PDB file of N, CA and C in Angstrom:
ATOM      1  N   MET A   1      -4.445 -60.029 -26.764  1.00  0.00           N
ATOM      2  CA  MET A   1      -3.969 -60.004 -25.190  1.00  0.00           C
ATOM      3  C   MET A   1      -5.409 -60.341 -24.483  1.00  0.00           C
ATOM      4  N   THR A   2      -5.359 -60.913 -23.673  1.00  0.00           N
ATOM      5  CA  THR A   2      -6.868 -61.348 -22.850  1.00  0.00           C
ATOM      6  C   THR A   2      -7.153 -60.206 -21.765  1.00  0.00           C
ATOM      7  N   VAL A   3      -8.221 -60.157 -21.411  1.00  0.00           N
ATOM      8  CA  VAL A   3      -8.627 -59.227 -20.270  1.00  0.00           C
ATOM      9  C   VAL A   3      -7.668 -59.169 -19.134  1.00  0.00           C
ATOM     10  N   GLU A   4      -7.552 -60.184 -18.667  1.00  0.00           N
ATOM     11  CA  GLU A   4      -6.809 -60.531 -17.477  1.00  0.00           C
ATOM     12  C   GLU A   4      -5.199 -59.931 -17.580  1.00  0.00           C
ATOM     13  N   GLN A   5      -4.706 -60.020 -19.000  1.00  0.00           N
ATOM     14  CA  GLN A   5      -3.294 -59.393 -19.194  1.00  0.00           C
ATOM     15  C   GLN A   5      -3.412 -57.898 -19.189  1.00  0.00           C
ATOM     16  N   LEU A   6      -4.570 -57.485 -20.013  1.00  0.00           N
ATOM     17  CA  LEU A   6      -4.747 -55.908 -20.039  1.00  0.00           C
ATOM     18  C   LEU A   6      -4.895 -55.322 -18.605  1.00  0.00           C
ATOM     19  N   VAL A   7      -5.532 -55.940 -17.791  1.00  0.00           N
ATOM     20  CA  VAL A   7      -5.705 -55.698 -16.358  1.00  0.00           C
ATOM     21  C   VAL A   7      -4.270 -55.569 -15.847  1.00  0.00           C
ATOM     22  N   GLN A   8      -3.567 -56.719 -15.845  1.00  0.00           N
ATOM     23  CA  GLN A   8      -2.189 -56.799 -15.343  1.00  0.00           C
ATOM     24  C   GLN A   8      -1.525 -55.461 -15.639  1.00  0.00           C
ATOM     25  N   VAL A   9      -1.392 -55.385 -17.116  1.00  0.00           N
ATOM     26  CA  VAL A   9      -0.627 -54.203 -17.852  1.00  0.00           C
ATOM     27  C   VAL A   9      -0.988 -52.997 -17.098  1.00  0.00           C
ATOM     28  N   ASN A  10      -2.487 -52.686 -17.018  1.00  0.00           N
ATOM     29  CA  ASN A  10      -3.015 -51.502 -16.408  1.00  0.00           C
ATOM     30  C   ASN A  10      -2.449 -51.342 -14.889  1.00  0.00           C
ATOM     31  N   GLN A  11      -2.423 -52.443 -14.151  1.00  0.00           N
ATOM     32  CA  GLN A  11      -2.139 -52.167 -12.878  1.00  0.00           C
ATOM     33  C   GLN A  11      -0.720 -51.721 -12.860  1.00  0.00           C
ATOM     34  N   ASN A  12       0.010 -52.577 -13.611  1.00  0.00           N
ATOM     35  CA  ASN A  12       1.767 -52.345 -13.912  1.00  0.00           C
ATOM     36  C   ASN A  12       1.862 -50.713 -14.112  1.00  0.00           C
ATOM     37  N   LEU A  13       1.267 -50.304 -14.863  1.00  0.00           N
ATOM     38  CA  LEU A  13       1.299 -48.795 -15.435  1.00  0.00           C
ATOM     39  C   LEU A  13       0.941 -47.869 -14.241  1.00  0.00           C
ATOM     40  N   VAL A  14      -0.050 -48.203 -13.431  1.00  0.00           N
ATOM     41  CA  VAL A  14      -0.519 -47.360 -12.435  1.00  0.00           C
ATOM     42  C   VAL A  14       0.438 -47.354 -11.429  1.00  0.00           C
ATOM     43  N   GLU A  15       1.008 -48.525 -10.938  1.00  0.00           N
ATOM     44  CA  GLU A  15       2.314 -48.572 -10.049  1.00  0.00           C
ATOM     45  C   GLU A  15       3.417 -47.876 -10.460  1.00  0.00           C
ATOM     46  N   LEU A  16       3.897 -48.123 -11.806  1.00  0.00           N
ATOM     47  CA  LEU A  16       4.921 -47.304 -12.362  1.00  0.00           C
ATOM     48  C   LEU A  16       4.774 -45.639 -12.194  1.00  0.00           C
ATOM     49  N   ILE A  17       3.465 -45.302 -12.292  1.00  0.00           N
ATOM     50  CA  ILE A  17       3.324 -43.980 -12.297  1.00  0.00           C
ATOM     51  C   ILE A  17       3.427 -43.474 -11.059  1.00  0.00           C
ATOM     52  N   ARG A  18       2.771 -44.345  -9.992  1.00  0.00           N
ATOM     53  CA  ARG A  18       2.816 -44.001  -8.457  1.00  0.00           C
ATOM     54  C   ARG A  18       4.160 -43.732  -8.162  1.00  0.00           C
ATOM     55  N   LYS A  19       5.149 -44.919  -8.352  1.00  0.00           N
ATOM     56  CA  LYS A  19       6.459 -44.787  -8.019  1.00  0.00           C
ATOM     57  C   LYS A  19       7.325 -43.364  -8.734  1.00  0.00           C
ATOM     58  N   GLN A  20       6.881 -43.162  -9.766  1.00  0.00           N
ATOM     59  CA  GLN A  20       7.191 -41.828 -10.525  1.00  0.00           C
ATOM     60  C   GLN A  20       6.880 -40.772  -9.886  1.00  0.00           C
ATOM     61  N   GLU A  21       5.679 -40.571  -9.302  1.00  0.00           N
ATOM     62  CA  GLU A  21       5.152 -39.396  -8.558  1.00  0.00           C
ATOM     63  C   GLU A  21       5.869 -39.380  -7.271  1.00  0.00           C
ATOM     64  N   ARG A  22       5.983 -40.548  -6.527  1.00  0.00           N
ATOM     65  CA  ARG A  22       6.734 -40.448  -5.356  1.00  0.00           C
ATOM     66  C   ARG A  22       8.263 -39.799  -5.400  1.00  0.00           C
ATOM     67  N   SER A  23       8.761 -40.469  -6.636  1.00  0.00           N
ATOM     68  CA  SER A  23      10.186 -39.983  -6.661  1.00  0.00           C
ATOM     69  C   SER A  23      10.196 -38.482  -7.027  1.00  0.00           C
ATOM     70  N   ALA A  24       9.474 -37.975  -7.896  1.00  0.00           N
ATOM     71  CA  ALA A  24       9.349 -36.691  -8.073  1.00  0.00           C
ATOM     72  C   ALA A  24       9.086 -35.831  -7.015  1.00  0.00           C
ATOM     73  N   GLU A  25       8.322 -36.321  -6.119  1.00  0.00           N
ATOM     74  CA  GLU A  25       8.025 -35.607  -4.784  1.00  0.00           C
ATOM     75  C   GLU A  25       9.185 -35.549  -4.046  1.00  0.00           C
ATOM     76  N   ASP A  26       9.667 -36.699  -3.662  1.00  0.00           N
ATOM     77  CA  ASP A  26      10.933 -36.643  -2.938  1.00  0.00           C
ATOM     78  C   ASP A  26      12.055 -35.691  -3.377  1.00  0.00           C
ATOM     79  N   GLN A  27      12.006 -35.787  -4.792  1.00  0.00           N
ATOM     80  CA  GLN A  27      13.211 -34.716  -5.114  1.00  0.00           C
ATOM     81  C   GLN A  27      12.938 -33.266  -5.244  1.00  0.00           C
ATOM     82  N   LEU A  28      11.546 -32.981  -5.251  1.00  0.00           N
ATOM     83  CA  LEU A  28      10.922 -31.643  -4.990  1.00  0.00           C
ATOM     84  C   LEU A  28      11.110 -31.328  -3.583  1.00  0.00           C
ATOM     85  N   ARG A  29      10.894 -32.338  -2.577  1.00  0.00           N
ATOM     86  CA  ARG A  29      11.040 -31.789  -1.228  1.00  0.00           C
ATOM     87  C   ARG A  29      12.667 -31.709  -0.971  1.00  0.00           C
ATOM     88  N   ALA A  30      13.493 -32.504  -1.736  1.00  0.00           N
ATOM     89  CA  ALA A  30      14.850 -32.367  -1.195  1.00  0.00           C
ATOM     90  C   ALA A  30      15.300 -30.770  -1.914  1.00  0.00           C
ATOM     91  N   LEU A  31      15.008 -30.608  -2.958  1.00  0.00           N
ATOM     92  CA  LEU A  31      15.077 -29.267  -3.585  1.00  0.00           C
ATOM     93  C   LEU A  31      14.633 -28.062  -2.803  1.00  0.00           C
ATOM     94  N   MET A  32      13.560 -28.228  -2.282  1.00  0.00           N
ATOM     95  CA  MET A  32      12.662 -27.099  -1.401  1.00  0.00           C
ATOM     96  C   MET A  32      13.652 -27.002  -0.135  1.00  0.00           C
ATOM     97  N   GLY A  33      13.993 -28.028   0.397  1.00  0.00           N
ATOM     98  CA  GLY A  33      14.817 -27.991   1.506  1.00  0.00           C
ATOM     99  C   GLY A  33      16.249 -27.124   1.159  1.00  0.00           C
ATOM    100  N   GLN A  34      16.847 -27.592   0.193  1.00  0.00           N
ATOM    101  CA  GLN A  34      18.090 -26.873  -0.232  1.00  0.00           C
ATOM    102  C   GLN A  34      17.800 -25.390  -0.454  1.00  0.00           C
ATOM    103  N   VAL A  35      16.744 -25.264  -1.213  1.00  0.00           N
ATOM    104  CA  VAL A  35      16.572 -23.529  -1.431  1.00  0.00           C
ATOM    105  C   VAL A  35      16.338 -22.814  -0.179  1.00  0.00           C
ATOM    106  N   ALA A  36      15.475 -23.664   1.096  1.00  0.00           N
ATOM    107  CA  ALA A  36      15.331 -22.822   2.382  1.00  0.00           C
ATOM    108  C   ALA A  36      16.376 -22.752   2.865  1.00  0.00           C
ATOM    109  N   SER A  37      17.335 -23.712   3.175  1.00  0.00           N
ATOM    110  CA  SER A  37      18.622 -23.657   3.550  1.00  0.00           C
ATOM    111  C   SER A  37      19.367 -22.340   3.138  1.00  0.00           C
ATOM    112  N   GLN A  38      19.505 -22.325   1.813  1.00  0.00           N
ATOM    113  CA  GLN A  38      20.426 -21.331   0.953  1.00  0.00           C
ATOM    114  C   GLN A  38      19.683 -19.856   1.434  1.00  0.00           C
ATOM    115  N   ALA A  39      18.242 -19.899   1.540  1.00  0.00           N
ATOM    116  CA  ALA A  39      17.709 -18.694   1.854  1.00  0.00           C
ATOM    117  C   ALA A  39      18.010 -18.007   3.288  1.00  0.00           C
ATOM    118  N   GLU A  40      17.941 -19.231   4.285  1.00  0.00           N
ATOM    119  CA  GLU A  40      18.302 -18.895   5.696  1.00  0.00           C
ATOM    120  C   GLU A  40      19.706 -18.413   5.594  1.00  0.00           C
ATOM    121  N   LYS A  41      20.764 -18.869   4.970  1.00  0.00           N
ATOM    122  CA  LYS A  41      22.323 -18.407   5.178  1.00  0.00           C
ATOM    123  C   LYS A  41      22.212 -17.167   4.565  1.00  0.00           C
ATOM    124  N   THR A  42      21.446 -16.798   3.463  1.00  0.00           N
ATOM    125  CA  THR A  42      21.638 -15.355   2.670  1.00  0.00           C
ATOM    126  C   THR A  42      20.967 -14.333   3.646  1.00  0.00           C
ATOM    127  N   SER A  43      19.976 -14.753   4.290  1.00  0.00           N
ATOM    128  CA  SER A  43      19.206 -13.760   5.354  1.00  0.00           C
ATOM    129  C   SER A  43      19.989 -13.754   6.447  1.00  0.00           C
ATOM    130  N   ALA A  44      20.714 -14.691   7.028  1.00  0.00           N
ATOM    131  CA  ALA A  44      21.560 -14.739   8.193  1.00  0.00           C
ATOM    132  C   ALA A  44      22.750 -13.505   7.583  1.00  0.00           C
ATOM    133  N   LYS A  45      23.457 -13.765   6.486  1.00  0.00           N
ATOM    134  CA  LYS A  45      24.464 -12.806   6.067  1.00  0.00           C
ATOM    135  C   LYS A  45      24.092 -11.502   5.882  1.00  0.00           C
ATOM    136  N   TYR A  46      22.784 -11.274   5.460  1.00  0.00           N
ATOM    137  CA  TYR A  46      22.193  -9.738   5.297  1.00  0.00           C
ATOM    138  C   TYR A  46      21.969  -9.181   6.705  1.00  0.00           C
ATOM    139  N   VAL A  47      21.612  -9.945   7.790  1.00  0.00           N
ATOM    140  CA  VAL A  47      21.324  -9.445   9.060  1.00  0.00           C
ATOM    141  C   VAL A  47      22.760  -9.141   9.931  1.00  0.00           C
ATOM    142  N   ALA A  48      23.732 -10.101   9.370  1.00  0.00           N
ATOM    143  CA  ALA A  48      24.846  -9.730  10.110  1.00  0.00           C
ATOM    144  C   ALA A  48      25.490  -8.555   9.323  1.00  0.00           C
ATOM    145  N   ALA A  49      25.431  -8.167   8.192  1.00  0.00           N
ATOM    146  CA  ALA A  49      26.047  -7.137   7.433  1.00  0.00           C
ATOM    147  C   ALA A  49      25.300  -5.803   7.709  1.00  0.00           C
ATOM    148  N   GLY A  50      23.963  -5.908   8.062  1.00  0.00           N
ATOM    149  CA  GLY A  50      23.332  -4.708   8.447  1.00  0.00           C
ATOM    150  C   GLY A  50      23.656  -4.284   9.988  1.00  0.00           C
ATOM    151  N   GLU A  51      23.963  -5.372  10.764  1.00  0.00           N
ATOM    152  CA  GLU A  51      24.420  -5.110  11.956  1.00  0.00           C
ATOM    153  C   GLU A  51      25.636  -4.637  12.072  1.00  0.00           C
ATOM    154  N   ALA A  52      26.604  -5.240  11.345  1.00  0.00           N
ATOM    155  CA  ALA A  52      27.986  -4.677  11.224  1.00  0.00           C
ATOM    156  C   ALA A  52      27.937  -3.128  10.711  1.00  0.00           C
ATOM    157  N   LEU A  53      26.929  -2.687   9.863  1.00  0.00           N
ATOM    158  CA  LEU A  53      26.864  -1.334   9.213  1.00  0.00           C
ATOM    159  C   LEU A  53      26.529  -0.553  10.510  1.00  0.00           C
ATOM    160  N   GLU A  54      25.654  -0.989  11.112  1.00  0.00           N
ATOM    161  CA  GLU A  54      25.066  -0.221  12.259  1.00  0.00           C
ATOM    162  C   GLU A  54      26.212   0.166  13.333  1.00  0.00           C
ATOM    163  N   ILE A  55      27.082  -0.730  13.668  1.00  0.00           N
ATOM    164  CA  ILE A  55      28.110  -0.607  14.707  1.00  0.00           C
ATOM    165  C   ILE A  55      29.003   0.304  13.912  1.00  0.00           C
ATOM    166  N   LEU A  56      29.194   0.223  12.826  1.00  0.00           N
ATOM    167  CA  LEU A  56      30.236   1.155  11.965  1.00  0.00           C
ATOM    168  C   LEU A  56      29.689   2.608  11.934  1.00  0.00           C
ATOM    169  N   ALA A  57      28.492   2.732  11.809  1.00  0.00           N
ATOM    170  CA  ALA A  57      27.751   4.063  11.957  1.00  0.00           C
ATOM    171  C   ALA A  57      27.780   4.680  13.292  1.00  0.00           C
ATOM    172  N   ARG A  58      27.575   3.890  14.312  1.00  0.00           N
ATOM    173  CA  ARG A  58      27.842   4.298  15.401  1.00  0.00           C
ATOM    174  C   ARG A  58      29.187   4.934  15.979  1.00  0.00           C
ATOM    175  N   GLN A  59      30.150   4.217  15.386  1.00  0.00           N
ATOM    176  CA  GLN A  59      31.498   4.388  15.747  1.00  0.00           C
ATOM    177  C   GLN A  59      31.900   5.566  15.044  1.00  0.00           C
ATOM    178  N   TRP A  60      31.577   5.808  13.549  1.00  0.00           N
ATOM    179  CA  TRP A  60      31.731   6.949  12.851  1.00  0.00           C
ATOM    180  C   TRP A  60      31.103   8.328  13.470  1.00  0.00           C
ATOM    181  N   ARG A  61      29.801   8.044  13.850  1.00  0.00           N
ATOM    182  CA  ARG A  61      29.149   9.223  14.615  1.00  0.00           C
ATOM    183  C   ARG A  61      30.073   9.559  15.902  1.00  0.00           C
ATOM    184  N   ALA A  62      30.468   8.687  16.832  1.00  0.00           N
ATOM    185  CA  ALA A  62      31.321   8.944  17.862  1.00  0.00           C
ATOM    186  C   ALA A  62      32.494   9.609  17.790  1.00  0.00           C
ATOM    187  N   GLN A  63      33.206   9.411  16.606  1.00  0.00           N
ATOM    188  CA  GLN A  63      34.404   9.915  16.253  1.00  0.00           C
ATOM    189  C   GLN A  63      34.317  11.032  15.541  1.00  0.00           C
ATOM    190  N   SER A  64      33.253  11.209  14.987  1.00  0.00           N
ATOM    191  CA  SER A  64      32.794  12.575  14.053  1.00  0.00           C
ATOM    192  C   SER A  64      32.100  13.549  14.820  1.00  0.00           C
ATOM    193  N   GLY A  65      31.687  13.234  16.162  1.00  0.00           N
ATOM    194  CA  GLY A  65      30.982  14.179  17.043  1.00  0.00           C
ATOM    195  C   GLY A  65      29.536  14.213  16.460  1.00  0.00           C
ATOM    196  N   THR A  66      29.102  13.624  15.413  1.00  0.00           N
ATOM    197  CA  THR A  66      27.616  13.728  15.047  1.00  0.00           C
ATOM    198  C   THR A  66      26.621  12.877  16.224  1.00  0.00           C
ATOM    199  N   PRO A  67      25.768  13.523  16.791  1.00  0.00           N
ATOM    200  CA  PRO A  67      24.982  12.877  17.592  1.00  0.00           C
ATOM    201  C   PRO A  67      24.174  11.753  16.792  1.00  0.00           C
ATOM    202  N   PRO A  68      23.838  10.515  17.650  1.00  0.00           N
ATOM    203  CA  PRO A  68      23.027   9.538  16.977  1.00  0.00           C
ATOM    204  C   PRO A  68      21.686  10.183  16.455  1.00  0.00           C
ATOM    205  N   PRO A  69      21.000   9.486  15.857  1.00  0.00           N
ATOM    206  CA  PRO A  69      19.452   9.640  15.691  1.00  0.00           C
ATOM    207  C   PRO A  69      18.673   9.693  16.726  1.00  0.00           C
ATOM    208  N   SER A  70      17.500  10.341  16.949  1.00  0.00           N
ATOM    209  CA  SER A  70      16.764  10.385  18.211  1.00  0.00           C
ATOM    210  C   SER A  70      15.670   9.134  18.061  1.00  0.00           C
ATOM    211  N   GLY A  71      15.990   8.338  17.367  1.00  0.00           N
ATOM    212  CA  GLY A  71      14.934   7.293  16.990  1.00  0.00           C
ATOM    213  C   GLY A  71      13.887   7.679  15.891  1.00  0.00           C
ATOM    214  N   GLY A  72      13.415   6.763  15.268  1.00  0.00           N
ATOM    215  CA  GLY A  72      12.300   6.963  14.223  1.00  0.00           C
ATOM    216  C   GLY A  72      12.961   7.152  12.872  1.00  0.00           C
ATOM    217  N   SER A  73      12.242   7.536  11.998  1.00  0.00           N
ATOM    218  CA  SER A  73      12.647   7.707  10.719  1.00  0.00           C
ATOM    219  C   SER A  73      13.180   9.141  10.464  1.00  0.00           C
ATOM    220  N   PRO A  74      14.159   9.411   9.650  1.00  0.00           N
ATOM    221  CA  PRO A  74      14.579  10.703   9.664  1.00  0.00           C
ATOM    222  C   PRO A  74      13.581  11.761   8.721  1.00  0.00           C
TER     223      PRO A  74
END
């Protein structure tokens, strides 16, 4: 091979590596977005469950005659 051909092969390899890097970065960004979305959904479910439990606890206290906590930690 001539020097010019080797230079061209090298340039082609560099461009191929750059394209692969961009593709890998795009895939990583997409996966990170999916993980963040799922984390937000899961967090929202826990918040909703916590709020529902708080309402149930208040209702139970009201029905059982147990006074609600006066705030702060027990």
